[in-house]
Amino acid sequence: MAISKPKFLQIRISEEEKTALKKIADDSGQTMTELITKAIHRVRPFKVKDRKIQKEKILHLARIGNNLNQIARWCNTHKSGADAVQVIQHLAAIEHELKKAMT
């Protein structure tokens, strides 16, 4: 039995968008209302707090990247020193951890 949907929502879209939505709905055997309603339920919008956290993470990673570039330049300048070998080992470990954090 179909669920009654007494509320009406009006949106503005271009003719091309409407045609594309209609084609998708027809191809999938759904009404446009069903298609759009299902699509809305699949989307998880970012909350403002989540966006701020994501932005902070990206900025933090960028700072780490800048620091790593400075260390890498130092290593390239001082290739023969024993300290450089240790720094390169640490850089490799940091890179490994960063890759894990990004996945």
PDB file of N, CA and C in Angstrom:
ATOM      1  N   MET A   1       0.832  -1.170   0.000  1.00  0.00           N
ATOM      2  CA  MET A   1       0.000   0.000   0.000  1.00  0.00           C
ATOM      3  C   MET A   1       0.884   1.244   0.000  1.00  0.00           C
ATOM      4  N   ALA A   2       0.598   2.184  -0.879  1.00  0.00           N
ATOM      5  CA  ALA A   2       1.382   3.402  -1.003  1.00  0.00           C
ATOM      6  C   ALA A   2       1.165   4.315   0.199  1.00  0.00           C
ATOM      7  N   ILE A   3       2.235   4.964   0.606  1.00  0.00           N
ATOM      8  CA  ILE A   3       2.162   5.904   1.716  1.00  0.00           C
ATOM      9  C   ILE A   3       1.709   7.252   1.175  1.00  0.00           C
ATOM     10  N   SER A   4       0.749   7.849   1.849  1.00  0.00           N
ATOM     11  CA  SER A   4       0.258   9.158   1.455  1.00  0.00           C
ATOM     12  C   SER A   4       1.324  10.212   1.750  1.00  0.00           C
ATOM     13  N   LYS A   5       1.549  11.089   0.792  1.00  0.00           N
ATOM     14  CA  LYS A   5       2.534  12.162   0.955  1.00  0.00           C
ATOM     15  C   LYS A   5       1.821  13.498   0.712  1.00  0.00           C
ATOM     16  N   PRO A   6       1.262  14.059   1.752  1.00  0.00           N
ATOM     17  CA  PRO A   6       0.450  15.253   1.583  1.00  0.00           C
ATOM     18  C   PRO A   6       1.234  16.558   1.407  1.00  0.00           C
ATOM     19  N   LYS A   7       2.520  16.562   1.664  1.00  0.00           N
ATOM     20  CA  LYS A   7       3.301  17.796   1.565  1.00  0.00           C
ATOM     21  C   LYS A   7       3.876  17.962   0.171  1.00  0.00           C
ATOM     22  N   PHE A   8       3.975  19.206  -0.245  1.00  0.00           N
ATOM     23  CA  PHE A   8       4.448  19.549  -1.575  1.00  0.00           C
ATOM     24  C   PHE A   8       5.694  20.407  -1.427  1.00  0.00           C
ATOM     25  N   LEU A   9       6.757  20.069  -2.158  1.00  0.00           N
ATOM     26  CA  LEU A   9       7.999  20.833  -2.143  1.00  0.00           C
ATOM     27  C   LEU A   9       8.286  21.290  -3.561  1.00  0.00           C
ATOM     28  N   GLN A  10       8.538  22.562  -3.716  1.00  0.00           N
ATOM     29  CA  GLN A  10       8.807  23.094  -5.048  1.00  0.00           C
ATOM     30  C   GLN A  10      10.264  23.540  -5.115  1.00  0.00           C
ATOM     31  N   ILE A  11      10.951  23.132  -6.184  1.00  0.00           N
ATOM     32  CA  ILE A  11      12.341  23.539  -6.396  1.00  0.00           C
ATOM     33  C   ILE A  11      12.470  24.102  -7.805  1.00  0.00           C
ATOM     34  N   ARG A  12      13.520  24.848  -8.003  1.00  0.00           N
ATOM     35  CA  ARG A  12      13.778  25.410  -9.328  1.00  0.00           C
ATOM     36  C   ARG A  12      14.989  24.700  -9.932  1.00  0.00           C
ATOM     37  N   ILE A  13      14.807  24.168 -11.128  1.00  0.00           N
ATOM     38  CA  ILE A  13      15.890  23.535 -11.870  1.00  0.00           C
ATOM     39  C   ILE A  13      15.766  23.954 -13.327  1.00  0.00           C
ATOM     40  N   SER A  14      16.847  23.793 -14.057  1.00  0.00           N
ATOM     41  CA  SER A  14      16.818  24.149 -15.476  1.00  0.00           C
ATOM     42  C   SER A  14      16.043  23.085 -16.257  1.00  0.00           C
ATOM     43  N   GLU A  15      15.682  23.424 -17.464  1.00  0.00           N
ATOM     44  CA  GLU A  15      14.972  22.471 -18.329  1.00  0.00           C
ATOM     45  C   GLU A  15      15.844  21.242 -18.593  1.00  0.00           C
ATOM     46  N   GLU A  16      17.164  21.469 -18.759  1.00  0.00           N
ATOM     47  CA  GLU A  16      18.086  20.362 -19.008  1.00  0.00           C
ATOM     48  C   GLU A  16      18.153  19.431 -17.793  1.00  0.00           C
ATOM     49  N   GLU A  17      18.190  19.998 -16.595  1.00  0.00           N
ATOM     50  CA  GLU A  17      18.216  19.177 -15.377  1.00  0.00           C
ATOM     51  C   GLU A  17      16.929  18.371 -15.238  1.00  0.00           C
ATOM     52  N   LYS A  18      15.812  19.003 -15.546  1.00  0.00           N
ATOM     53  CA  LYS A  18      14.523  18.310 -15.449  1.00  0.00           C
ATOM     54  C   LYS A  18      14.476  17.150 -16.437  1.00  0.00           C
ATOM     55  N   THR A  19      14.933  17.395 -17.656  1.00  0.00           N
ATOM     56  CA  THR A  19      14.949  16.347 -18.679  1.00  0.00           C
ATOM     57  C   THR A  19      15.844  15.189 -18.237  1.00  0.00           C
ATOM     58  N   ALA A  20      17.012  15.516 -17.676  1.00  0.00           N
ATOM     59  CA  ALA A  20      17.941  14.474 -17.228  1.00  0.00           C
ATOM     60  C   ALA A  20      17.327  13.666 -16.087  1.00  0.00           C
ATOM     61  N   LEU A  21      16.693  14.339 -15.124  1.00  0.00           N
ATOM     62  CA  LEU A  21      16.054  13.636 -14.004  1.00  0.00           C
ATOM     63  C   LEU A  21      14.916  12.754 -14.492  1.00  0.00           C
ATOM     64  N   LYS A  22      14.137  13.270 -15.423  1.00  0.00           N
ATOM     65  CA  LYS A  22      13.008  12.506 -15.968  1.00  0.00           C
ATOM     66  C   LYS A  22      13.517  11.242 -16.660  1.00  0.00           C
ATOM     67  N   LYS A  23      14.615  11.368 -17.417  1.00  0.00           N
ATOM     68  CA  LYS A  23      15.180  10.207 -18.111  1.00  0.00           C
ATOM     69  C   LYS A  23      15.677   9.175 -17.106  1.00  0.00           C
ATOM     70  N   ILE A  24      16.374   9.626 -16.074  1.00  0.00           N
ATOM     71  CA  ILE A  24      16.875   8.705 -15.049  1.00  0.00           C
ATOM     72  C   ILE A  24      15.709   7.999 -14.371  1.00  0.00           C
ATOM     73  N   ALA A  25      14.670   8.761 -14.032  1.00  0.00           N
ATOM     74  CA  ALA A  25      13.495   8.176 -13.373  1.00  0.00           C
ATOM     75  C   ALA A  25      12.824   7.151 -14.291  1.00  0.00           C
ATOM     76  N   ASP A  26      12.620   7.519 -15.545  1.00  0.00           N
ATOM     77  CA  ASP A  26      11.979   6.605 -16.496  1.00  0.00           C
ATOM     78  C   ASP A  26      12.805   5.339 -16.688  1.00  0.00           C
ATOM     79  N   ASP A  27      14.126   5.514 -16.843  1.00  0.00           N
ATOM     80  CA  ASP A  27      15.014   4.361 -17.059  1.00  0.00           C
ATOM     81  C   ASP A  27      15.023   3.409 -15.866  1.00  0.00           C
ATOM     82  N   SER A  28      14.797   3.956 -14.667  1.00  0.00           N
ATOM     83  CA  SER A  28      14.824   3.119 -13.470  1.00  0.00           C
ATOM     84  C   SER A  28      13.427   2.680 -13.035  1.00  0.00           C
ATOM     85  N   GLY A  29      12.409   3.056 -13.806  1.00  0.00           N
ATOM     86  CA  GLY A  29      11.043   2.643 -13.489  1.00  0.00           C
ATOM     87  C   GLY A  29      10.476   3.307 -12.250  1.00  0.00           C
ATOM     88  N   GLN A  30      10.905   4.543 -11.994  1.00  0.00           N
ATOM     89  CA  GLN A  30      10.437   5.279 -10.828  1.00  0.00           C
ATOM     90  C   GLN A  30       9.810   6.596 -11.262  1.00  0.00           C
ATOM     91  N   THR A  31       9.033   7.156 -10.374  1.00  0.00           N
ATOM     92  CA  THR A  31       8.563   8.518 -10.617  1.00  0.00           C
ATOM     93  C   THR A  31       9.694   9.457 -10.231  1.00  0.00           C
ATOM     94  N   MET A  32       9.614  10.685 -10.653  1.00  0.00           N
ATOM     95  CA  MET A  32      10.629  11.666 -10.274  1.00  0.00           C
ATOM     96  C   MET A  32      10.616  11.875  -8.766  1.00  0.00           C
ATOM     97  N   THR A  33       9.439  11.841  -8.161  1.00  0.00           N
ATOM     98  CA  THR A  33       9.339  11.991  -6.703  1.00  0.00           C
ATOM     99  C   THR A  33      10.082  10.866  -6.002  1.00  0.00           C
ATOM    100  N   GLU A  34       9.875   9.625  -6.454  1.00  0.00           N
ATOM    101  CA  GLU A  34      10.574   8.488  -5.838  1.00  0.00           C
ATOM    102  C   GLU A  34      12.089   8.621  -6.007  1.00  0.00           C
ATOM    103  N   LEU A  35      12.505   8.977  -7.209  1.00  0.00           N
ATOM    104  CA  LEU A  35      13.928   9.111  -7.501  1.00  0.00           C
ATOM    105  C   LEU A  35      14.576  10.163  -6.598  1.00  0.00           C
ATOM    106  N   ILE A  36      13.983  11.327  -6.535  1.00  0.00           N
ATOM    107  CA  ILE A  36      14.553  12.425  -5.754  1.00  0.00           C
ATOM    108  C   ILE A  36      14.510  12.112  -4.266  1.00  0.00           C
ATOM    109  N   THR A  37      13.413  11.528  -3.799  1.00  0.00           N
ATOM    110  CA  THR A  37      13.302  11.189  -2.376  1.00  0.00           C
ATOM    111  C   THR A  37      14.365  10.171  -1.986  1.00  0.00           C
ATOM    112  N   LYS A  38      14.556   9.136  -2.804  1.00  0.00           N
ATOM    113  CA  LYS A  38      15.582   8.135  -2.511  1.00  0.00           C
ATOM    114  C   LYS A  38      16.982   8.752  -2.539  1.00  0.00           C
ATOM    115  N   ALA A  39      17.203   9.651  -3.497  1.00  0.00           N
ATOM    116  CA  ALA A  39      18.512  10.300  -3.598  1.00  0.00           C
ATOM    117  C   ALA A  39      18.789  11.154  -2.368  1.00  0.00           C
ATOM    118  N   ILE A  40      17.789  11.846  -1.887  1.00  0.00           N
ATOM    119  CA  ILE A  40      17.960  12.689  -0.700  1.00  0.00           C
ATOM    120  C   ILE A  40      18.315  11.839   0.510  1.00  0.00           C
ATOM    121  N   HIS A  41      17.710  10.685   0.629  1.00  0.00           N
ATOM    122  CA  HIS A  41      17.974   9.826   1.781  1.00  0.00           C
ATOM    123  C   HIS A  41      19.363   9.187   1.732  1.00  0.00           C
ATOM    124  N   ARG A  42      19.971   9.123   0.543  1.00  0.00           N
ATOM    125  CA  ARG A  42      21.317   8.559   0.416  1.00  0.00           C
ATOM    126  C   ARG A  42      22.401   9.577   0.736  1.00  0.00           C
ATOM    127  N   VAL A  43      22.069  10.840   0.694  1.00  0.00           N
ATOM    128  CA  VAL A  43      23.055  11.896   0.894  1.00  0.00           C
ATOM    129  C   VAL A  43      23.200  12.195   2.381  1.00  0.00           C
ATOM    130  N   ARG A  44      24.452  12.287   2.830  1.00  0.00           N
ATOM    131  CA  ARG A  44      24.718  12.681   4.208  1.00  0.00           C
ATOM    132  C   ARG A  44      25.456  14.008   4.165  1.00  0.00           C
ATOM    133  N   PRO A  45      24.723  15.100   4.316  1.00  0.00           N
ATOM    134  CA  PRO A  45      25.378  16.404   4.216  1.00  0.00           C
ATOM    135  C   PRO A  45      26.325  16.646   5.391  1.00  0.00           C
ATOM    136  N   PHE A  46      27.384  17.396   5.122  1.00  0.00           N
ATOM    137  CA  PHE A  46      28.307  17.773   6.177  1.00  0.00           C
ATOM    138  C   PHE A  46      27.635  18.771   7.100  1.00  0.00           C
ATOM    139  N   LYS A  47      27.841  18.586   8.377  1.00  0.00           N
ATOM    140  CA  LYS A  47      27.402  19.583   9.342  1.00  0.00           C
ATOM    141  C   LYS A  47      28.477  20.644   9.393  1.00  0.00           C
ATOM    142  N   VAL A  48      28.119  21.845   9.809  1.00  0.00           N
ATOM    143  CA  VAL A  48      29.088  22.941   9.884  1.00  0.00           C
ATOM    144  C   VAL A  48      30.278  22.522  10.743  1.00  0.00           C
ATOM    145  N   LYS A  49      30.013  21.848  11.859  1.00  0.00           N
ATOM    146  CA  LYS A  49      31.078  21.395  12.752  1.00  0.00           C
ATOM    147  C   LYS A  49      32.006  20.428  12.017  1.00  0.00           C
ATOM    148  N   ASP A  50      31.439  19.499  11.228  1.00  0.00           N
ATOM    149  CA  ASP A  50      32.238  18.535  10.474  1.00  0.00           C
ATOM    150  C   ASP A  50      33.119  19.238   9.450  1.00  0.00           C
ATOM    151  N   ARG A  51      32.583  20.262   8.807  1.00  0.00           N
ATOM    152  CA  ARG A  51      33.371  21.000   7.818  1.00  0.00           C
ATOM    153  C   ARG A  51      34.553  21.692   8.472  1.00  0.00           C
ATOM    154  N   LYS A  52      34.322  22.267   9.652  1.00  0.00           N
ATOM    155  CA  LYS A  52      35.415  22.938  10.365  1.00  0.00           C
ATOM    156  C   LYS A  52      36.497  21.945  10.744  1.00  0.00           C
ATOM    157  N   ILE A  53      36.093  20.775  11.218  1.00  0.00           N
ATOM    158  CA  ILE A  53      37.062  19.746  11.594  1.00  0.00           C
ATOM    159  C   ILE A  53      37.842  19.289  10.366  1.00  0.00           C
ATOM    160  N   GLN A  54      37.150  19.061   9.257  1.00  0.00           N
ATOM    161  CA  GLN A  54      37.810  18.621   8.019  1.00  0.00           C
ATOM    162  C   GLN A  54      38.799  19.685   7.540  1.00  0.00           C
ATOM    163  N   LYS A  55      38.391  20.951   7.616  1.00  0.00           N
ATOM    164  CA  LYS A  55      39.272  22.044   7.187  1.00  0.00           C
ATOM    165  C   LYS A  55      40.510  22.098   8.072  1.00  0.00           C
ATOM    166  N   GLU A  56      40.326  21.926   9.393  1.00  0.00           N
ATOM    167  CA  GLU A  56      41.455  21.927  10.313  1.00  0.00           C
ATOM    168  C   GLU A  56      42.405  20.760  10.019  1.00  0.00           C
ATOM    169  N   LYS A  57      41.854  19.596   9.706  1.00  0.00           N
ATOM    170  CA  LYS A  57      42.690  18.443   9.375  1.00  0.00           C
ATOM    171  C   LYS A  57      43.525  18.726   8.135  1.00  0.00           C
ATOM    172  N   ILE A  58      42.896  19.299   7.122  1.00  0.00           N
ATOM    173  CA  ILE A  58      43.604  19.590   5.870  1.00  0.00           C
ATOM    174  C   ILE A  58      44.717  20.607   6.113  1.00  0.00           C
ATOM    175  N   LEU A  59      44.417  21.654   6.904  1.00  0.00           N
ATOM    176  CA  LEU A  59      45.444  22.655   7.205  1.00  0.00           C
ATOM    177  C   LEU A  59      46.599  22.031   7.987  1.00  0.00           C
ATOM    178  N   HIS A  60      46.263  21.164   8.927  1.00  0.00           N
ATOM    179  CA  HIS A  60      47.297  20.500   9.721  1.00  0.00           C
ATOM    180  C   HIS A  60      48.174  19.623   8.835  1.00  0.00           C
ATOM    181  N   LEU A  61      47.554  18.876   7.936  1.00  0.00           N
ATOM    182  CA  LEU A  61      48.329  18.040   7.013  1.00  0.00           C
ATOM    183  C   LEU A  61      49.198  18.887   6.090  1.00  0.00           C
ATOM    184  N   ALA A  62      48.692  20.043   5.673  1.00  0.00           N
ATOM    185  CA  ALA A  62      49.482  20.932   4.821  1.00  0.00           C
ATOM    186  C   ALA A  62      50.710  21.438   5.576  1.00  0.00           C
ATOM    187  N   ARG A  63      50.533  21.770   6.847  1.00  0.00           N
ATOM    188  CA  ARG A  63      51.678  22.217   7.655  1.00  0.00           C
ATOM    189  C   ARG A  63      52.705  21.097   7.802  1.00  0.00           C
ATOM    190  N   ILE A  64      52.213  19.889   8.035  1.00  0.00           N
ATOM    191  CA  ILE A  64      53.124  18.745   8.145  1.00  0.00           C
ATOM    192  C   ILE A  64      53.884  18.570   6.839  1.00  0.00           C
ATOM    193  N   GLY A  65      53.166  18.680   5.721  1.00  0.00           N
ATOM    194  CA  GLY A  65      53.807  18.558   4.409  1.00  0.00           C
ATOM    195  C   GLY A  65      54.884  19.604   4.204  1.00  0.00           C
ATOM    196  N   ASN A  66      54.596  20.837   4.616  1.00  0.00           N
ATOM    197  CA  ASN A  66      55.603  21.904   4.489  1.00  0.00           C
ATOM    198  C   ASN A  66      56.835  21.589   5.330  1.00  0.00           C
ATOM    199  N   ASN A  67      56.610  21.120   6.555  1.00  0.00           N
ATOM    200  CA  ASN A  67      57.741  20.764   7.416  1.00  0.00           C
ATOM    201  C   ASN A  67      58.548  19.619   6.809  1.00  0.00           C
ATOM    202  N   LEU A  68      57.852  18.639   6.257  1.00  0.00           N
ATOM    203  CA  LEU A  68      58.560  17.512   5.636  1.00  0.00           C
ATOM    204  C   LEU A  68      59.389  17.981   4.441  1.00  0.00           C
ATOM    205  N   ASN A  69      58.862  18.914   3.678  1.00  0.00           N
ATOM    206  CA  ASN A  69      59.630  19.440   2.540  1.00  0.00           C
ATOM    207  C   ASN A  69      60.900  20.141   3.018  1.00  0.00           C
ATOM    208  N   GLN A  70      60.809  20.889   4.105  1.00  0.00           N
ATOM    209  CA  GLN A  70      61.996  21.563   4.642  1.00  0.00           C
ATOM    210  C   GLN A  70      63.029  20.537   5.109  1.00  0.00           C
ATOM    211  N   ILE A  71      62.554  19.486   5.773  1.00  0.00           N
ATOM    212  CA  ILE A  71      63.470  18.438   6.235  1.00  0.00           C
ATOM    213  C   ILE A  71      64.094  17.729   5.038  1.00  0.00           C
ATOM    214  N   ALA A  72      63.296  17.449   4.024  1.00  0.00           N
ATOM    215  CA  ALA A  72      63.818  16.773   2.829  1.00  0.00           C
ATOM    216  C   ALA A  72      64.887  17.637   2.158  1.00  0.00           C
ATOM    217  N   ARG A  73      64.676  18.955   2.094  1.00  0.00           N
ATOM    218  CA  ARG A  73      65.698  19.845   1.523  1.00  0.00           C
ATOM    219  C   ARG A  73      66.997  19.773   2.332  1.00  0.00           C
ATOM    220  N   TRP A  74      66.847  19.740   3.655  1.00  0.00           N
ATOM    221  CA  TRP A  74      68.028  19.641   4.514  1.00  0.00           C
ATOM    222  C   TRP A  74      68.770  18.342   4.222  1.00  0.00           C
ATOM    223  N   CYS A  75      68.012  17.255   4.091  1.00  0.00           N
ATOM    224  CA  CYS A  75      68.628  15.951   3.806  1.00  0.00           C
ATOM    225  C   CYS A  75      69.379  15.968   2.480  1.00  0.00           C
ATOM    226  N   ASN A  76      68.777  16.605   1.479  1.00  0.00           N
ATOM    227  CA  ASN A  76      69.428  16.660   0.162  1.00  0.00           C
ATOM    228  C   ASN A  76      70.698  17.501   0.218  1.00  0.00           C
ATOM    229  N   THR A  77      70.719  18.486   1.087  1.00  0.00           N
ATOM    230  CA  THR A  77      71.903  19.332   1.224  1.00  0.00           C
ATOM    231  C   THR A  77      73.009  18.597   1.977  1.00  0.00           C
ATOM    232  N   HIS A  78      72.642  17.783   2.957  1.00  0.00           N
ATOM    233  CA  HIS A  78      73.608  17.103   3.822  1.00  0.00           C
ATOM    234  C   HIS A  78      73.553  15.588   3.617  1.00  0.00           C
ATOM    235  N   LYS A  79      73.641  15.153   2.389  1.00  0.00           N
ATOM    236  CA  LYS A  79      73.491  13.729   2.059  1.00  0.00           C
ATOM    237  C   LYS A  79      74.563  12.851   2.706  1.00  0.00           C
ATOM    238  N   SER A  80      75.731  13.372   2.901  1.00  0.00           N
ATOM    239  CA  SER A  80      76.812  12.512   3.373  1.00  0.00           C
ATOM    240  C   SER A  80      76.815  12.308   4.885  1.00  0.00           C
ATOM    241  N   GLY A  81      76.115  13.131   5.612  1.00  0.00           N
ATOM    242  CA  GLY A  81      76.148  13.032   7.064  1.00  0.00           C
ATOM    243  C   GLY A  81      75.346  11.857   7.591  1.00  0.00           C
ATOM    244  N   ALA A  82      75.808  11.284   8.695  1.00  0.00           N
ATOM    245  CA  ALA A  82      75.094  10.166   9.320  1.00  0.00           C
ATOM    246  C   ALA A  82      73.747  10.614   9.848  1.00  0.00           C
ATOM    247  N   ASP A  83      73.649  11.863  10.296  1.00  0.00           N
ATOM    248  CA  ASP A  83      72.376  12.385  10.790  1.00  0.00           C
ATOM    249  C   ASP A  83      71.316  12.375   9.694  1.00  0.00           C
ATOM    250  N   ALA A  84      71.740  12.622   8.480  1.00  0.00           N
ATOM    251  CA  ALA A  84      70.800  12.650   7.366  1.00  0.00           C
ATOM    252  C   ALA A  84      70.134  11.290   7.177  1.00  0.00           C
ATOM    253  N   VAL A  85      70.867  10.228   7.391  1.00  0.00           N
ATOM    254  CA  VAL A  85      70.307   8.880   7.245  1.00  0.00           C
ATOM    255  C   VAL A  85      69.194   8.673   8.263  1.00  0.00           C
ATOM    256  N   GLN A  86      69.439   9.096   9.491  1.00  0.00           N
ATOM    257  CA  GLN A  86      68.416   8.967  10.526  1.00  0.00           C
ATOM    258  C   GLN A  86      67.193   9.819  10.195  1.00  0.00           C
ATOM    259  N   VAL A  87      67.421  11.012   9.711  1.00  0.00           N
ATOM    260  CA  VAL A  87      66.306  11.891   9.357  1.00  0.00           C
ATOM    261  C   VAL A  87      65.491  11.273   8.239  1.00  0.00           C
ATOM    262  N   ILE A  88      66.150  10.716   7.247  1.00  0.00           N
ATOM    263  CA  ILE A  88      65.445  10.081   6.130  1.00  0.00           C
ATOM    264  C   ILE A  88      64.617   8.896   6.625  1.00  0.00           C
ATOM    265  N   GLN A  89      65.155   8.132   7.555  1.00  0.00           N
ATOM    266  CA  GLN A  89      64.392   7.014   8.118  1.00  0.00           C
ATOM    267  C   GLN A  89      63.132   7.518   8.828  1.00  0.00           C
ATOM    268  N   HIS A  90      63.293   8.593   9.574  1.00  0.00           N
ATOM    269  CA  HIS A  90      62.141   9.172  10.265  1.00  0.00           C
ATOM    270  C   HIS A  90      61.123   9.736   9.272  1.00  0.00           C
ATOM    271  N   LEU A  91      61.629  10.351   8.217  1.00  0.00           N
ATOM    272  CA  LEU A  91      60.729  10.869   7.176  1.00  0.00           C
ATOM    273  C   LEU A  91      59.917   9.735   6.559  1.00  0.00           C
ATOM    274  N   ALA A  92      60.553   8.630   6.296  1.00  0.00           N
ATOM    275  CA  ALA A  92      59.849   7.482   5.709  1.00  0.00           C
ATOM    276  C   ALA A  92      58.767   6.981   6.662  1.00  0.00           C
ATOM    277  N   ALA A  93      59.078   6.943   7.955  1.00  0.00           N
ATOM    278  CA  ALA A  93      58.086   6.509   8.941  1.00  0.00           C
ATOM    279  C   ALA A  93      56.918   7.492   9.007  1.00  0.00           C
ATOM    280  N   ILE A  94      57.225   8.772   8.965  1.00  0.00           N
ATOM    281  CA  ILE A  94      56.171   9.795   8.992  1.00  0.00           C
ATOM    282  C   ILE A  94      55.299   9.683   7.750  1.00  0.00           C
ATOM    283  N   GLU A  95      55.923   9.507   6.595  1.00  0.00           N
ATOM    284  CA  GLU A  95      55.167   9.359   5.350  1.00  0.00           C
ATOM    285  C   GLU A  95      54.228   8.158   5.430  1.00  0.00           C
ATOM    286  N   HIS A  96      54.720   7.064   5.975  1.00  0.00           N
ATOM    287  CA  HIS A  96      53.903   5.862   6.131  1.00  0.00           C
ATOM    288  C   HIS A  96      52.688   6.147   7.014  1.00  0.00           C
ATOM    289  N   GLU A  97      52.891   6.832   8.124  1.00  0.00           N
ATOM    290  CA  GLU A  97      51.796   7.151   9.037  1.00  0.00           C
ATOM    291  C   GLU A  97      50.795   8.116   8.389  1.00  0.00           C
ATOM    292  N   LEU A  98      51.295   9.079   7.639  1.00  0.00           N
ATOM    293  CA  LEU A  98      50.403  10.016   6.955  1.00  0.00           C
ATOM    294  C   LEU A  98      49.520   9.295   5.933  1.00  0.00           C
ATOM    295  N   LYS A  99      50.110   8.361   5.207  1.00  0.00           N
ATOM    296  CA  LYS A  99      49.334   7.603   4.228  1.00  0.00           C
ATOM    297  C   LYS A  99      48.242   6.800   4.922  1.00  0.00           C
ATOM    298  N   LYS A 100      48.550   6.230   6.078  1.00  0.00           N
ATOM    299  CA  LYS A 100      47.534   5.496   6.846  1.00  0.00           C
ATOM    300  C   LYS A 100      46.427   6.434   7.304  1.00  0.00           C
ATOM    301  N   ALA A 101      46.804   7.649   7.723  1.00  0.00           N
ATOM    302  CA  ALA A 101      45.809   8.607   8.215  1.00  0.00           C
ATOM    303  C   ALA A 101      44.890   9.091   7.096  1.00  0.00           C
ATOM    304  N   MET A 102      45.372   9.111   5.879  1.00  0.00           N
ATOM    305  CA  MET A 102      44.574   9.629   4.753  1.00  0.00           C
ATOM    306  C   MET A 102      43.615   8.581   4.213  1.00  0.00           C
ATOM    307  N   THR A 103      43.776   7.332   4.582  1.00  0.00           N
ATOM    308  CA  THR A 103      42.875   6.307   4.063  1.00  0.00           C
ATOM    309  C   THR A 103      41.768   5.999   5.037  1.00  0.00           C
TER     310      THR A 103
END
